[in-house]
Amino acid sequence: MAAVDAASANNSVVLSSAAQLGALAAGVLLLVAGQRLLPLISAACGALAGWALARSLSMTFVPEWSLLAAGLVGATGGALVGAAALRLMLAAIVGTGGALIFAVGALILVESGFVPLSAPGAESALDGNTESTVVDLPSQSRALRLAGASWARRSVSSGVSAQTTWTEATTAWDATEPTLHTYLLACTVAGGGICLAAALIFHRQACAAFSAALGAIITLGAGLPLLQTLSGGALPLPQRVAAWLLLGIALACGGWAIQSVSHHRVQARKSQEH
């Protein structure tokens, strides 16, 4: 019985290591060549979705059609749509990420005092008495930012429901001052719009940056646990979020640089040939 359990444990370790190795290879490939792979990945995802959708619609509405023919037609259309929609999907992703980054940056600027939104010592008359009313916007900004980070962390780790998260976010948002609302909304919309436009205009660079970031996430998520498994637990993993963040940024910047240099070399070679 013990031998069977040991063999089963060994098999699970081997399968886990193989899956991590495959994910690591995919992450490295995205890091160094994701700019060329994203159109193919988008087309492949569109083809799979078109295949499944066409077969389902064929069985429901035109059962006399061959499922193979319907699937092929749907896969072809889905591949074309996926390849064409890559620019818009990538721009939407980059715009959303830019909006979040600008929002967090705006809150940090308020906390640090670089962006004063209220005049300290503003006076207001209450019941005929003049009292000094000071709105501590930096504290509200920091509380809002920390609350957002806490919700994101709990949603990933413990699966907090979307309704609960939305209720908590609405409560925290209502507790802050309207001045902070206006400033934060303006920065978020401006950041999202700028990043969206940049991704649409500089599509190739956006592909390189997005694929490098995605490759860095996959590489870290698979590579470090694989090293720990191969070392038998002797290699400790970083416990702080800042360490993972710095490693991810370094990998993403390195992957973006590699892809940019590779693209420039290809362009220079083509120009020399012409």
C-alpha atoms as a PDB file:
ATOM      1  CA  MET A   1       0.000   0.000   0.000  1.00  0.00           C
ATOM      2  CA  ALA A   2       2.828   2.377   0.883  1.00  0.00           C
ATOM      3  CA  ALA A   3       4.526   1.597  -2.428  1.00  0.00           C
ATOM      4  CA  VAL A   4       1.352   2.422  -4.338  1.00  0.00           C
ATOM      5  CA  ASP A   5       0.999   5.712  -2.488  1.00  0.00           C
ATOM      6  CA  ALA A   6       4.640   6.566  -3.181  1.00  0.00           C
ATOM      7  CA  ALA A   7       4.242   5.758  -6.866  1.00  0.00           C
ATOM      8  CA  SER A   8       1.089   7.865  -7.068  1.00  0.00           C
ATOM      9  CA  ALA A   9       2.853  10.776  -5.377  1.00  0.00           C
ATOM     10  CA  ASN A  10       5.779  10.474  -7.767  1.00  0.00           C
ATOM     11  CA  ASN A  11       3.425  10.439 -10.750  1.00  0.00           C
ATOM     12  CA  SER A  12       1.634  13.558  -9.525  1.00  0.00           C
ATOM     13  CA  VAL A  13       4.974  15.328  -9.033  1.00  0.00           C
ATOM     14  CA  VAL A  14       6.079  14.346 -12.541  1.00  0.00           C
ATOM     15  CA  LEU A  15       2.799  15.553 -14.070  1.00  0.00           C
ATOM     16  CA  SER A  16       2.953  18.798 -12.125  1.00  0.00           C
ATOM     17  CA  SER A  17       6.552  19.369 -13.189  1.00  0.00           C
ATOM     18  CA  ALA A  18       5.667  18.636 -16.819  1.00  0.00           C
ATOM     19  CA  ALA A  19       2.779  21.115 -16.728  1.00  0.00           C
ATOM     20  CA  GLN A  20       4.994  23.754 -15.127  1.00  0.00           C
ATOM     21  CA  LEU A  21       7.715  23.091 -17.717  1.00  0.00           C
ATOM     22  CA  GLY A  22       5.200  23.496 -20.549  1.00  0.00           C
ATOM     23  CA  ALA A  23       3.885  26.726 -19.068  1.00  0.00           C
ATOM     24  CA  LEU A  24       7.451  27.973 -18.592  1.00  0.00           C
ATOM     25  CA  ALA A  25       8.250  27.261 -22.249  1.00  0.00           C
ATOM     26  CA  ALA A  26       5.088  29.125 -23.328  1.00  0.00           C
ATOM     27  CA  GLY A  27       5.989  32.081 -21.115  1.00  0.00           C
ATOM     28  CA  VAL A  28       9.532  32.310 -22.464  1.00  0.00           C
ATOM     29  CA  LEU A  29       8.220  32.047 -26.026  1.00  0.00           C
ATOM     30  CA  LEU A  30       5.838  34.939 -25.381  1.00  0.00           C
ATOM     31  CA  LEU A  31       8.674  36.930 -23.841  1.00  0.00           C
ATOM     32  CA  VAL A  32      10.995  36.650 -26.837  1.00  0.00           C
ATOM     33  CA  ALA A  33       8.574  36.272 -29.775  1.00  0.00           C
ATOM     34  CA  GLY A  34       5.116  37.201 -28.549  1.00  0.00           C
ATOM     35  CA  GLN A  35       4.852  40.085 -31.004  1.00  0.00           C
ATOM     36  CA  ARG A  36       4.673  37.566 -33.854  1.00  0.00           C
ATOM     37  CA  LEU A  37       2.623  35.010 -31.947  1.00  0.00           C
ATOM     38  CA  LEU A  38      -0.260  37.217 -30.791  1.00  0.00           C
ATOM     39  CA  PRO A  39      -1.938  37.402 -34.245  1.00  0.00           C
ATOM     40  CA  LEU A  40      -1.708  33.618 -34.565  1.00  0.00           C
ATOM     41  CA  ILE A  41      -3.047  33.091 -31.040  1.00  0.00           C
ATOM     42  CA  SER A  42      -5.924  35.492 -31.671  1.00  0.00           C
ATOM     43  CA  ALA A  43      -6.773  33.788 -34.954  1.00  0.00           C
ATOM     44  CA  ALA A  44      -6.604  30.338 -33.327  1.00  0.00           C
ATOM     45  CA  CYS A  45      -8.904  31.393 -30.482  1.00  0.00           C
ATOM     46  CA  GLY A  46     -11.328  32.879 -32.998  1.00  0.00           C
ATOM     47  CA  ALA A  47     -11.243  29.698 -35.046  1.00  0.00           C
ATOM     48  CA  LEU A  48     -12.032  27.522 -32.016  1.00  0.00           C
ATOM     49  CA  ALA A  49     -14.871  29.798 -30.952  1.00  0.00           C
ATOM     50  CA  GLY A  50     -16.228  29.913 -34.522  1.00  0.00           C
ATOM     51  CA  TRP A  51     -16.024  26.114 -34.823  1.00  0.00           C
ATOM     52  CA  ALA A  52     -17.985  25.531 -31.619  1.00  0.00           C
ATOM     53  CA  LEU A  53     -20.556  28.253 -32.356  1.00  0.00           C
ATOM     54  CA  ALA A  54     -21.143  27.137 -35.948  1.00  0.00           C
ATOM     55  CA  ARG A  55     -21.652  23.501 -34.956  1.00  0.00           C
ATOM     56  CA  SER A  56     -24.105  24.501 -32.224  1.00  0.00           C
ATOM     57  CA  LEU A  57     -26.082  26.767 -34.555  1.00  0.00           C
ATOM     58  CA  SER A  58     -26.064  24.138 -37.288  1.00  0.00           C
ATOM     59  CA  MET A  59     -27.569  21.481 -35.033  1.00  0.00           C
ATOM     60  CA  THR A  60     -30.275  23.933 -33.907  1.00  0.00           C
ATOM     61  CA  PHE A  61     -31.278  25.761 -37.079  1.00  0.00           C
ATOM     62  CA  VAL A  62     -29.956  23.822 -40.096  1.00  0.00           C
ATOM     63  CA  PRO A  63     -29.654  20.169 -39.042  1.00  0.00           C
ATOM     64  CA  GLU A  64     -29.379  19.100 -42.692  1.00  0.00           C
ATOM     65  CA  TRP A  65     -25.928  20.652 -42.847  1.00  0.00           C
ATOM     66  CA  SER A  66     -22.872  18.540 -42.191  1.00  0.00           C
ATOM     67  CA  LEU A  67     -21.348  19.337 -38.813  1.00  0.00           C
ATOM     68  CA  LEU A  68     -17.890  19.186 -40.351  1.00  0.00           C
ATOM     69  CA  ALA A  69     -18.791  21.688 -43.066  1.00  0.00           C
ATOM     70  CA  ALA A  70     -20.494  24.005 -40.602  1.00  0.00           C
ATOM     71  CA  GLY A  71     -17.507  23.781 -38.259  1.00  0.00           C
ATOM     72  CA  LEU A  72     -15.054  24.568 -41.056  1.00  0.00           C
ATOM     73  CA  VAL A  73     -17.069  27.587 -42.169  1.00  0.00           C
ATOM     74  CA  GLY A  74     -17.358  28.830 -38.589  1.00  0.00           C
ATOM     75  CA  ALA A  75     -13.666  28.245 -37.910  1.00  0.00           C
ATOM     76  CA  THR A  76     -12.674  30.191 -41.024  1.00  0.00           C
ATOM     77  CA  GLY A  77     -14.929  33.110 -40.143  1.00  0.00           C
ATOM     78  CA  GLY A  78     -13.831  33.024 -36.513  1.00  0.00           C
ATOM     79  CA  ALA A  79     -10.157  33.058 -37.490  1.00  0.00           C
ATOM     80  CA  LEU A  80     -10.693  36.102 -39.702  1.00  0.00           C
ATOM     81  CA  VAL A  81     -12.642  37.915 -36.997  1.00  0.00           C
ATOM     82  CA  GLY A  82     -10.076  37.004 -34.341  1.00  0.00           C
ATOM     83  CA  ALA A  83      -7.183  38.287 -36.434  1.00  0.00           C
ATOM     84  CA  ALA A  84      -9.037  41.498 -37.321  1.00  0.00           C
ATOM     85  CA  ALA A  85     -10.232  42.138 -33.763  1.00  0.00           C
ATOM     86  CA  LEU A  86      -6.783  41.783 -32.207  1.00  0.00           C
ATOM     87  CA  ARG A  87      -6.045  45.503 -32.495  1.00  0.00           C
ATOM     88  CA  LEU A  88      -9.320  46.468 -30.762  1.00  0.00           C
ATOM     89  CA  MET A  89      -9.036  43.799 -28.045  1.00  0.00           C
ATOM     90  CA  LEU A  90      -5.432  44.723 -27.308  1.00  0.00           C
ATOM     91  CA  ALA A  91      -6.302  48.424 -27.206  1.00  0.00           C
ATOM     92  CA  ALA A  92      -9.152  47.715 -24.769  1.00  0.00           C
ATOM     93  CA  ILE A  93      -6.844  45.688 -22.497  1.00  0.00           C
ATOM     94  CA  VAL A  94      -4.090  48.314 -22.591  1.00  0.00           C
ATOM     95  CA  GLY A  95      -6.639  51.087 -22.014  1.00  0.00           C
ATOM     96  CA  THR A  96      -8.066  49.315 -18.978  1.00  0.00           C
ATOM     97  CA  GLY A  97      -4.607  48.714 -17.551  1.00  0.00           C
ATOM     98  CA  GLY A  98      -3.636  52.315 -18.181  1.00  0.00           C
ATOM     99  CA  ALA A  99      -6.772  53.571 -16.461  1.00  0.00           C
ATOM    100  CA  LEU A 100      -5.980  51.501 -13.356  1.00  0.00           C
ATOM    101  CA  ILE A 101      -2.352  52.645 -13.315  1.00  0.00           C
ATOM    102  CA  PHE A 102      -3.334  56.297 -13.687  1.00  0.00           C
ATOM    103  CA  ALA A 103      -5.942  55.936 -10.936  1.00  0.00           C
ATOM    104  CA  VAL A 104      -3.446  54.440  -8.486  1.00  0.00           C
ATOM    105  CA  GLY A 105      -0.863  57.053  -9.441  1.00  0.00           C
ATOM    106  CA  ALA A 106      -3.391  59.831  -8.898  1.00  0.00           C
ATOM    107  CA  LEU A 107      -4.204  58.532  -5.421  1.00  0.00           C
ATOM    108  CA  ILE A 108      -0.516  58.292  -4.549  1.00  0.00           C
ATOM    109  CA  LEU A 109       0.045  61.901  -5.660  1.00  0.00           C
ATOM    110  CA  VAL A 110      -2.776  63.050  -3.396  1.00  0.00           C
ATOM    111  CA  GLU A 111      -1.366  61.045  -0.474  1.00  0.00           C
ATOM    112  CA  SER A 112       2.123  62.492  -0.923  1.00  0.00           C
ATOM    113  CA  GLY A 113       0.813  66.064  -1.080  1.00  0.00           C
ATOM    114  CA  PHE A 114       1.917  66.789  -4.660  1.00  0.00           C
ATOM    115  CA  VAL A 115      -1.695  67.409  -5.678  1.00  0.00           C
ATOM    116  CA  PRO A 116      -3.481  69.462  -2.987  1.00  0.00           C
ATOM    117  CA  LEU A 117      -7.210  69.260  -3.641  1.00  0.00           C
ATOM    118  CA  SER A 118      -8.492  71.218  -0.653  1.00  0.00           C
ATOM    119  CA  ALA A 119      -7.441  74.293   1.207  1.00  0.00           C
ATOM    120  CA  PRO A 120      -6.607  73.434   4.842  1.00  0.00           C
ATOM    121  CA  GLY A 121      -8.488  75.489   7.401  1.00  0.00           C
ATOM    122  CA  ALA A 122     -11.622  76.029   5.323  1.00  0.00           C
ATOM    123  CA  GLU A 123     -14.290  77.500   7.560  1.00  0.00           C
ATOM    124  CA  SER A 124     -17.935  76.587   7.667  1.00  0.00           C
ATOM    125  CA  ALA A 125     -20.708  78.013   9.816  1.00  0.00           C
ATOM    126  CA  LEU A 126     -22.583  75.401  11.805  1.00  0.00           C
ATOM    127  CA  ASP A 127     -25.502  76.479  14.050  1.00  0.00           C
ATOM    128  CA  GLY A 128     -24.243  80.049  14.044  1.00  0.00           C
ATOM    129  CA  ASN A 129     -20.770  79.008  15.222  1.00  0.00           C
ATOM    130  CA  THR A 130     -17.711  79.216  12.991  1.00  0.00           C
ATOM    131  CA  GLU A 131     -15.642  76.065  13.208  1.00  0.00           C
ATOM    132  CA  SER A 132     -12.506  75.050  11.338  1.00  0.00           C
ATOM    133  CA  THR A 133     -13.224  72.136   9.062  1.00  0.00           C
ATOM    134  CA  VAL A 134     -10.263  70.359   7.481  1.00  0.00           C
ATOM    135  CA  VAL A 135     -10.943  67.541   5.038  1.00  0.00           C
ATOM    136  CA  ASP A 136      -8.096  65.027   5.199  1.00  0.00           C
ATOM    137  CA  LEU A 137      -8.083  63.992   1.526  1.00  0.00           C
ATOM    138  CA  PRO A 138      -4.657  62.269   1.697  1.00  0.00           C
ATOM    139  CA  SER A 139      -5.976  59.895   4.355  1.00  0.00           C
ATOM    140  CA  GLN A 140      -9.118  59.240   2.315  1.00  0.00           C
ATOM    141  CA  SER A 141      -6.987  58.605  -0.772  1.00  0.00           C
ATOM    142  CA  ARG A 142      -4.748  56.140   1.039  1.00  0.00           C
ATOM    143  CA  ALA A 143      -7.730  54.333   2.560  1.00  0.00           C
ATOM    144  CA  LEU A 144      -9.372  54.053  -0.861  1.00  0.00           C
ATOM    145  CA  ARG A 145      -6.204  52.707  -2.472  1.00  0.00           C
ATOM    146  CA  LEU A 146      -5.542  50.171   0.284  1.00  0.00           C
ATOM    147  CA  ALA A 147      -9.177  49.060   0.183  1.00  0.00           C
ATOM    148  CA  GLY A 148      -8.911  48.456  -3.559  1.00  0.00           C
ATOM    149  CA  ALA A 149      -5.744  46.416  -3.119  1.00  0.00           C
ATOM    150  CA  SER A 150      -7.370  44.403  -0.334  1.00  0.00           C
ATOM    151  CA  TRP A 151     -10.456  43.651  -2.434  1.00  0.00           C
ATOM    152  CA  ALA A 152      -8.320  42.550  -5.387  1.00  0.00           C
ATOM    153  CA  ARG A 153      -6.195  40.294  -3.187  1.00  0.00           C
ATOM    154  CA  ARG A 154      -9.178  38.699  -1.464  1.00  0.00           C
ATOM    155  CA  SER A 155     -11.025  38.236  -4.750  1.00  0.00           C
ATOM    156  CA  VAL A 156      -8.088  36.289  -6.160  1.00  0.00           C
ATOM    157  CA  SER A 157      -7.229  34.273  -3.048  1.00  0.00           C
ATOM    158  CA  SER A 158     -10.596  33.560  -1.464  1.00  0.00           C
ATOM    159  CA  GLY A 159     -13.044  34.113  -4.301  1.00  0.00           C
ATOM    160  CA  VAL A 160     -15.095  36.959  -2.821  1.00  0.00           C
ATOM    161  CA  SER A 161     -18.326  37.375  -4.748  1.00  0.00           C
ATOM    162  CA  ALA A 162     -18.625  40.240  -7.205  1.00  0.00           C
ATOM    163  CA  GLN A 163     -21.714  41.565  -5.425  1.00  0.00           C
ATOM    164  CA  THR A 164     -19.915  41.766  -2.079  1.00  0.00           C
ATOM    165  CA  THR A 165     -16.919  43.478  -3.652  1.00  0.00           C
ATOM    166  CA  TRP A 166     -19.157  45.977  -5.450  1.00  0.00           C
ATOM    167  CA  THR A 167     -21.055  46.762  -2.229  1.00  0.00           C
ATOM    168  CA  GLU A 168     -17.852  47.370  -0.287  1.00  0.00           C
ATOM    169  CA  ALA A 169     -16.404  49.481  -3.109  1.00  0.00           C
ATOM    170  CA  THR A 170     -19.552  51.588  -3.318  1.00  0.00           C
ATOM    171  CA  THR A 171     -19.518  52.172   0.442  1.00  0.00           C
ATOM    172  CA  ALA A 172     -15.876  53.261   0.440  1.00  0.00           C
ATOM    173  CA  TRP A 173     -16.433  55.471  -2.614  1.00  0.00           C
ATOM    174  CA  ASP A 174     -19.429  57.225  -1.017  1.00  0.00           C
ATOM    175  CA  ALA A 175     -17.382  57.911   2.116  1.00  0.00           C
ATOM    176  CA  THR A 176     -14.843  60.038   0.218  1.00  0.00           C
ATOM    177  CA  GLU A 177     -15.139  63.694  -0.749  1.00  0.00           C
ATOM    178  CA  PRO A 178     -16.639  64.812  -4.113  1.00  0.00           C
ATOM    179  CA  THR A 179     -13.408  66.684  -4.879  1.00  0.00           C
ATOM    180  CA  LEU A 180     -11.492  63.433  -4.767  1.00  0.00           C
ATOM    181  CA  HIS A 181     -14.189  61.793  -6.922  1.00  0.00           C
ATOM    182  CA  THR A 182     -13.801  64.379  -9.674  1.00  0.00           C
ATOM    183  CA  TYR A 183     -10.010  64.242  -9.642  1.00  0.00           C
ATOM    184  CA  LEU A 184      -9.858  60.459  -9.630  1.00  0.00           C
ATOM    185  CA  LEU A 185     -12.449  60.069 -12.396  1.00  0.00           C
ATOM    186  CA  ALA A 186     -10.662  62.634 -14.553  1.00  0.00           C
ATOM    187  CA  CYS A 187      -7.292  60.897 -14.154  1.00  0.00           C
ATOM    188  CA  THR A 188      -8.811  57.479 -14.803  1.00  0.00           C
ATOM    189  CA  VAL A 189     -10.622  58.555 -17.970  1.00  0.00           C
ATOM    190  CA  ALA A 190      -7.598  60.491 -19.233  1.00  0.00           C
ATOM    191  CA  GLY A 191      -5.219  57.611 -18.559  1.00  0.00           C
ATOM    192  CA  GLY A 192      -7.488  55.054 -20.160  1.00  0.00           C
ATOM    193  CA  GLY A 193      -8.049  57.251 -23.206  1.00  0.00           C
ATOM    194  CA  ILE A 194      -4.345  57.978 -23.674  1.00  0.00           C
ATOM    195  CA  CYS A 195      -3.348  54.314 -23.402  1.00  0.00           C
ATOM    196  CA  LEU A 196      -6.217  53.247 -25.667  1.00  0.00           C
ATOM    197  CA  ALA A 197      -5.192  55.722 -28.368  1.00  0.00           C
ATOM    198  CA  ALA A 198      -1.518  54.801 -28.019  1.00  0.00           C
ATOM    199  CA  ALA A 199      -2.293  51.092 -28.392  1.00  0.00           C
ATOM    200  CA  LEU A 200      -4.357  51.770 -31.521  1.00  0.00           C
ATOM    201  CA  ILE A 201      -1.694  53.963 -33.113  1.00  0.00           C
ATOM    202  CA  PHE A 202       1.395  51.990 -32.056  1.00  0.00           C
ATOM    203  CA  HIS A 203      -0.116  48.537 -32.476  1.00  0.00           C
ATOM    204  CA  ARG A 204       3.149  46.687 -32.983  1.00  0.00           C
ATOM    205  CA  GLN A 205       4.758  48.145 -29.878  1.00  0.00           C
ATOM    206  CA  ALA A 206       1.593  47.406 -27.903  1.00  0.00           C
ATOM    207  CA  CYS A 207       1.750  43.769 -29.046  1.00  0.00           C
ATOM    208  CA  ALA A 208       5.353  43.539 -27.896  1.00  0.00           C
ATOM    209  CA  ALA A 209       4.652  45.146 -24.527  1.00  0.00           C
ATOM    210  CA  PHE A 210       1.511  43.112 -23.836  1.00  0.00           C
ATOM    211  CA  SER A 211       3.069  39.794 -24.865  1.00  0.00           C
ATOM    212  CA  ALA A 212       6.174  40.548 -22.801  1.00  0.00           C
ATOM    213  CA  ALA A 213       4.051  41.332 -19.733  1.00  0.00           C
ATOM    214  CA  LEU A 214       1.949  38.204 -20.240  1.00  0.00           C
ATOM    215  CA  GLY A 215       5.071  36.113 -20.790  1.00  0.00           C
ATOM    216  CA  ALA A 216       6.644  37.510 -17.618  1.00  0.00           C
ATOM    217  CA  ILE A 217       3.557  36.579 -15.575  1.00  0.00           C
ATOM    218  CA  ILE A 218       3.487  33.030 -16.970  1.00  0.00           C
ATOM    219  CA  THR A 219       7.248  32.614 -16.605  1.00  0.00           C
ATOM    220  CA  LEU A 220       7.221  33.673 -12.965  1.00  0.00           C
ATOM    221  CA  GLY A 221       4.104  31.669 -12.179  1.00  0.00           C
ATOM    222  CA  ALA A 222       5.574  28.478 -13.628  1.00  0.00           C
ATOM    223  CA  GLY A 223       9.338  28.908 -13.391  1.00  0.00           C
ATOM    224  CA  LEU A 224       9.824  29.628  -9.709  1.00  0.00           C
ATOM    225  CA  PRO A 225       7.522  26.823  -8.472  1.00  0.00           C
ATOM    226  CA  LEU A 226       9.294  24.479 -10.909  1.00  0.00           C
ATOM    227  CA  LEU A 227      12.667  25.427  -9.453  1.00  0.00           C
ATOM    228  CA  GLN A 228      11.301  24.826  -5.967  1.00  0.00           C
ATOM    229  CA  THR A 229       9.952  21.424  -7.007  1.00  0.00           C
ATOM    230  CA  LEU A 230      13.222  20.395  -8.656  1.00  0.00           C
ATOM    231  CA  SER A 231      15.233  21.564  -5.650  1.00  0.00           C
ATOM    232  CA  GLY A 232      13.037  19.592  -3.266  1.00  0.00           C
ATOM    233  CA  GLY A 233      11.854  22.713  -1.464  1.00  0.00           C
ATOM    234  CA  ALA A 234      15.377  23.945  -0.758  1.00  0.00           C
ATOM    235  CA  LEU A 235      14.806  27.055  -2.877  1.00  0.00           C
ATOM    236  CA  PRO A 236      12.461  29.427  -1.006  1.00  0.00           C
ATOM    237  CA  LEU A 237      10.077  31.587  -3.008  1.00  0.00           C
ATOM    238  CA  PRO A 238       9.758  35.343  -2.431  1.00  0.00           C
ATOM    239  CA  GLN A 239       7.007  36.108   0.057  1.00  0.00           C
ATOM    240  CA  ARG A 240       6.563  39.823  -0.587  1.00  0.00           C
ATOM    241  CA  VAL A 241       4.420  41.149  -3.398  1.00  0.00           C
ATOM    242  CA  ALA A 242       7.006  43.839  -4.158  1.00  0.00           C
ATOM    243  CA  ALA A 243       9.630  41.196  -4.972  1.00  0.00           C
ATOM    244  CA  TRP A 244       7.317  39.447  -7.450  1.00  0.00           C
ATOM    245  CA  LEU A 245       6.352  42.808  -8.945  1.00  0.00           C
ATOM    246  CA  LEU A 246       9.966  43.869  -9.477  1.00  0.00           C
ATOM    247  CA  LEU A 247      10.851  40.503 -11.003  1.00  0.00           C
ATOM    248  CA  GLY A 248       7.868  40.719 -13.329  1.00  0.00           C
ATOM    249  CA  ILE A 249       8.711  44.268 -14.413  1.00  0.00           C
ATOM    250  CA  ALA A 250      12.332  43.305 -15.071  1.00  0.00           C
ATOM    251  CA  LEU A 251      11.307  40.280 -17.154  1.00  0.00           C
ATOM    252  CA  ALA A 252       8.693  42.267 -19.071  1.00  0.00           C
ATOM    253  CA  CYS A 253      11.152  45.054 -19.885  1.00  0.00           C
ATOM    254  CA  GLY A 254      13.746  42.512 -20.990  1.00  0.00           C
ATOM    255  CA  GLY A 255      11.237  40.710 -23.215  1.00  0.00           C
ATOM    256  CA  TRP A 256      10.040  43.980 -24.741  1.00  0.00           C
ATOM    257  CA  ALA A 257      13.642  44.998 -25.481  1.00  0.00           C
ATOM    258  CA  ILE A 258      14.407  41.636 -27.121  1.00  0.00           C
ATOM    259  CA  GLN A 259      11.314  41.826 -29.321  1.00  0.00           C
ATOM    260  CA  SER A 260      12.023  45.442 -30.286  1.00  0.00           C
ATOM    261  CA  VAL A 261      15.620  44.678 -31.261  1.00  0.00           C
ATOM    262  CA  SER A 262      14.509  41.611 -33.212  1.00  0.00           C
ATOM    263  CA  HIS A 263      11.890  43.636 -35.093  1.00  0.00           C
ATOM    264  CA  HIS A 264      14.401  46.351 -35.977  1.00  0.00           C
ATOM    265  CA  ARG A 265      16.849  43.758 -37.264  1.00  0.00           C
ATOM    266  CA  VAL A 266      14.194  42.176 -39.454  1.00  0.00           C
ATOM    267  CA  GLN A 267      13.206  45.585 -40.823  1.00  0.00           C
ATOM    268  CA  ALA A 268      16.840  46.488 -41.519  1.00  0.00           C
ATOM    269  CA  ARG A 269      17.392  43.171 -43.307  1.00  0.00           C
ATOM    270  CA  LYS A 270      14.312  43.723 -45.471  1.00  0.00           C
ATOM    271  CA  SER A 271      15.393  47.254 -46.352  1.00  0.00           C
ATOM    272  CA  GLN A 272      18.845  45.998 -47.355  1.00  0.00           C
ATOM    273  CA  GLU A 273      17.301  43.324 -49.548  1.00  0.00           C
ATOM    274  CA  HIS A 274      15.176  45.903 -51.350  1.00  0.00           C
END
